[in-house]
C-alpha atoms as a PDB file:
ATOM      1  CA  MET A   1      -6.306  16.091   2.442  1.00  0.00           C
ATOM      2  CA  ALA A   2      -4.723  18.385   0.807  1.00  0.00           C
ATOM      3  CA  ASN A   3      -5.594  21.661  -0.552  1.00  0.00           C
ATOM      4  CA  GLY A   4      -8.831  21.602   1.857  1.00  0.00           C
ATOM      5  CA  THR A   5     -10.047  19.202  -0.165  1.00  0.00           C
ATOM      6  CA  LEU A   6     -10.452  14.779   1.447  1.00  0.00           C
ATOM      7  CA  HIS A   7      -9.229  12.723  -1.180  1.00  0.00           C
ATOM      8  CA  LEU A   8      -9.294   9.578   0.889  1.00  0.00           C
ATOM      9  CA  SER A   9     -10.701   8.293   4.385  1.00  0.00           C
ATOM     10  CA  GLU A  10      -9.923   5.406   5.622  1.00  0.00           C
ATOM     11  CA  SER A  11      -7.204   3.174   7.873  1.00  0.00           C
ATOM     12  CA  LEU A  12      -3.088   3.621   7.070  1.00  0.00           C
ATOM     13  CA  ASP A  13      -3.135  -0.021   7.052  1.00  0.00           C
ATOM     14  CA  GLU A  14      -6.037  -0.452   4.445  1.00  0.00           C
ATOM     15  CA  LEU A  15      -4.287   2.402   2.650  1.00  0.00           C
ATOM     16  CA  LYS A  16      -1.294   0.429   2.588  1.00  0.00           C
ATOM     17  CA  GLU A  17      -2.576  -2.323   1.347  1.00  0.00           C
ATOM     18  CA  THR A  18      -5.222  -1.212  -1.960  1.00  0.00           C
ATOM     19  CA  VAL A  19      -3.575   2.095  -3.079  1.00  0.00           C
ATOM     20  CA  LYS A  20      -0.641   0.399  -5.538  1.00  0.00           C
ATOM     21  CA  GLN A  21       1.089   1.077  -8.013  1.00  0.00           C
ATOM     22  CA  ILE A  22       1.020  -0.777 -11.112  1.00  0.00           C
ATOM     23  CA  ARG A  23       3.443  -1.264 -14.025  1.00  0.00           C
ATOM     24  CA  PHE A  24       1.484  -1.786 -17.164  1.00  0.00           C
ATOM     25  CA  TYR A  25       4.275  -3.383 -19.925  1.00  0.00           C
ATOM     26  CA  LYS A  26       4.713  -4.845 -22.807  1.00  0.00           C
ATOM     27  CA  PHE A  27       2.144  -4.038 -25.338  1.00  0.00           C
ATOM     28  CA  GLN A  28       1.282  -5.242 -28.355  1.00  0.00           C
ATOM     29  CA  SER A  29       0.803  -1.669 -29.217  1.00  0.00           C
ATOM     30  CA  SER A  30       1.419   1.539 -27.882  1.00  0.00           C
ATOM     31  CA  PRO A  31      -0.171   2.009 -24.610  1.00  0.00           C
ATOM     32  CA  ARG A  32      -0.932   6.024 -25.817  1.00  0.00           C
ATOM     33  CA  ASN A  33      -4.827   5.390 -25.868  1.00  0.00           C
ATOM     34  CA  PHE A  34      -4.444   2.860 -21.833  1.00  0.00           C
ATOM     35  CA  SER A  35      -6.697   4.464 -19.280  1.00  0.00           C
ATOM     36  CA  VAL A  36      -8.186   2.724 -16.659  1.00  0.00           C
ATOM     37  CA  PRO A  37     -10.954   4.579 -14.360  1.00  0.00           C
ATOM     38  CA  ASP A  38     -11.070   5.743 -11.287  1.00  0.00           C
ATOM     39  CA  ALA A  39      -7.565   5.959 -11.190  1.00  0.00           C
ATOM     40  CA  PHE A  40      -5.500   8.370  -9.301  1.00  0.00           C
ATOM     41  CA  HIS A  41      -2.863   8.898 -11.351  1.00  0.00           C
ATOM     42  CA  THR A  42      -1.124   7.753 -14.578  1.00  0.00           C
ATOM     43  CA  THR A  43       1.883   8.413 -16.287  1.00  0.00           C
ATOM     44  CA  LYS A  44       2.552   6.996 -19.646  1.00  0.00           C
ATOM     45  CA  THR A  45       5.526   7.139 -21.957  1.00  0.00           C
ATOM     46  CA  GLU A  46       5.817   5.097 -25.248  1.00  0.00           C
ATOM     47  CA  THR A  47       6.333   1.537 -23.784  1.00  0.00           C
ATOM     48  CA  GLU A  48       5.078   1.076 -20.596  1.00  0.00           C
ATOM     49  CA  ALA A  49       2.512   2.656 -18.391  1.00  0.00           C
ATOM     50  CA  LEU A  50       1.665   3.357 -14.560  1.00  0.00           C
ATOM     51  CA  VAL A  51      -0.953   4.165 -12.292  1.00  0.00           C
ATOM     52  CA  THR A  52      -1.539   4.661  -9.298  1.00  0.00           C
ATOM     53  CA  MET A  53      -4.409   2.822  -8.266  1.00  0.00           C
ATOM     54  CA  ARG A  54      -7.125   0.801  -5.456  1.00  0.00           C
ATOM     55  CA  VAL A  55      -6.345  -2.769  -6.449  1.00  0.00           C
ATOM     56  CA  ALA A  56      -9.576  -4.786  -4.638  1.00  0.00           C
ATOM     57  CA  ASP A  57      -8.657  -7.473  -7.111  1.00  0.00           C
ATOM     58  CA  GLU A  58      -6.358  -8.466  -8.999  1.00  0.00           C
ATOM     59  CA  SER A  59      -8.430 -10.520 -11.323  1.00  0.00           C
ATOM     60  CA  ASN A  60      -9.440  -7.528 -12.782  1.00  0.00           C
ATOM     61  CA  LEU A  61      -5.591  -6.570 -12.937  1.00  0.00           C
ATOM     62  CA  GLU A  62      -5.300  -9.908 -15.156  1.00  0.00           C
ATOM     63  CA  LYS A  63      -8.516  -8.646 -16.967  1.00  0.00           C
ATOM     64  CA  LEU A  64      -7.252  -5.123 -17.749  1.00  0.00           C
ATOM     65  CA  ALA A  65      -4.545  -6.302 -19.117  1.00  0.00           C
ATOM     66  CA  ALA A  66      -5.686  -9.160 -21.705  1.00  0.00           C
ATOM     67  CA  THR A  67      -8.020  -6.019 -23.027  1.00  0.00           C
ATOM     68  CA  HIS A  68      -5.221  -4.059 -23.573  1.00  0.00           C
ATOM     69  CA  ARG A  69      -2.454  -7.286 -24.754  1.00  0.00           C
ATOM     70  CA  CYS A  70      -0.167  -6.493 -22.301  1.00  0.00           C
ATOM     71  CA  GLN A  71       1.570  -7.370 -19.018  1.00  0.00           C
ATOM     72  CA  TYR A  72       1.998  -5.922 -15.459  1.00  0.00           C
ATOM     73  CA  GLU A  73       3.244  -6.012 -12.403  1.00  0.00           C
ATOM     74  CA  ILE A  74       2.059  -4.345  -8.517  1.00  0.00           C
ATOM     75  CA  ARG A  75       4.308  -2.490  -6.503  1.00  0.00           C
ATOM     76  CA  ASP A  76       3.547  -1.416  -3.280  1.00  0.00           C
ATOM     77  CA  LEU A  77       3.561   2.413  -1.978  1.00  0.00           C
ATOM     78  CA  SER A  78       5.029   3.683   0.672  1.00  0.00           C
ATOM     79  CA  LEU A  79       2.035   6.231   2.370  1.00  0.00           C
ATOM     80  CA  GLU A  80       4.133   9.111   1.327  1.00  0.00           C
ATOM     81  CA  ASP A  81       3.934   7.575  -1.935  1.00  0.00           C
ATOM     82  CA  ILE A  82       0.254   7.014  -1.698  1.00  0.00           C
ATOM     83  CA  PHE A  83      -0.338  10.527  -0.822  1.00  0.00           C
ATOM     84  CA  VAL A  84       1.764  12.167  -3.733  1.00  0.00           C
ATOM     85  CA  GLU A  85       0.226  10.556  -6.044  1.00  0.00           C
ATOM     86  CA  VAL A  86      -3.254  10.885  -5.340  1.00  0.00           C
ATOM     87  CA  VAL A  87      -2.973  14.341  -4.649  1.00  0.00           C
ATOM     88  CA  SER A  88      -0.878  15.037  -8.008  1.00  0.00           C
ATOM     89  CA  GLU A  89      -2.733  15.751 -10.896  1.00  0.00           C
ATOM     90  CA  GLY A  90      -3.350  13.809 -14.468  1.00  0.00           C
END
């Protein structure tokens, strides 16, 4: 909860298990138009995109990377990092 708005409602263990930061990189073209529906937060540079999102199945990440012709890596987040990413704008 932040500013009176409930953003997520689940156990702390489940949050840590499912909410991840994904680094998409080595795009064959610019990541400028890269987007992930339902992402909590996305930051893009000229060469990569950092996306905080719920990862229920890694095969979805594989499909997303194949569609955008890039590579990806999954990063675990602390509960504090999850909070910051989920309540931030963007």
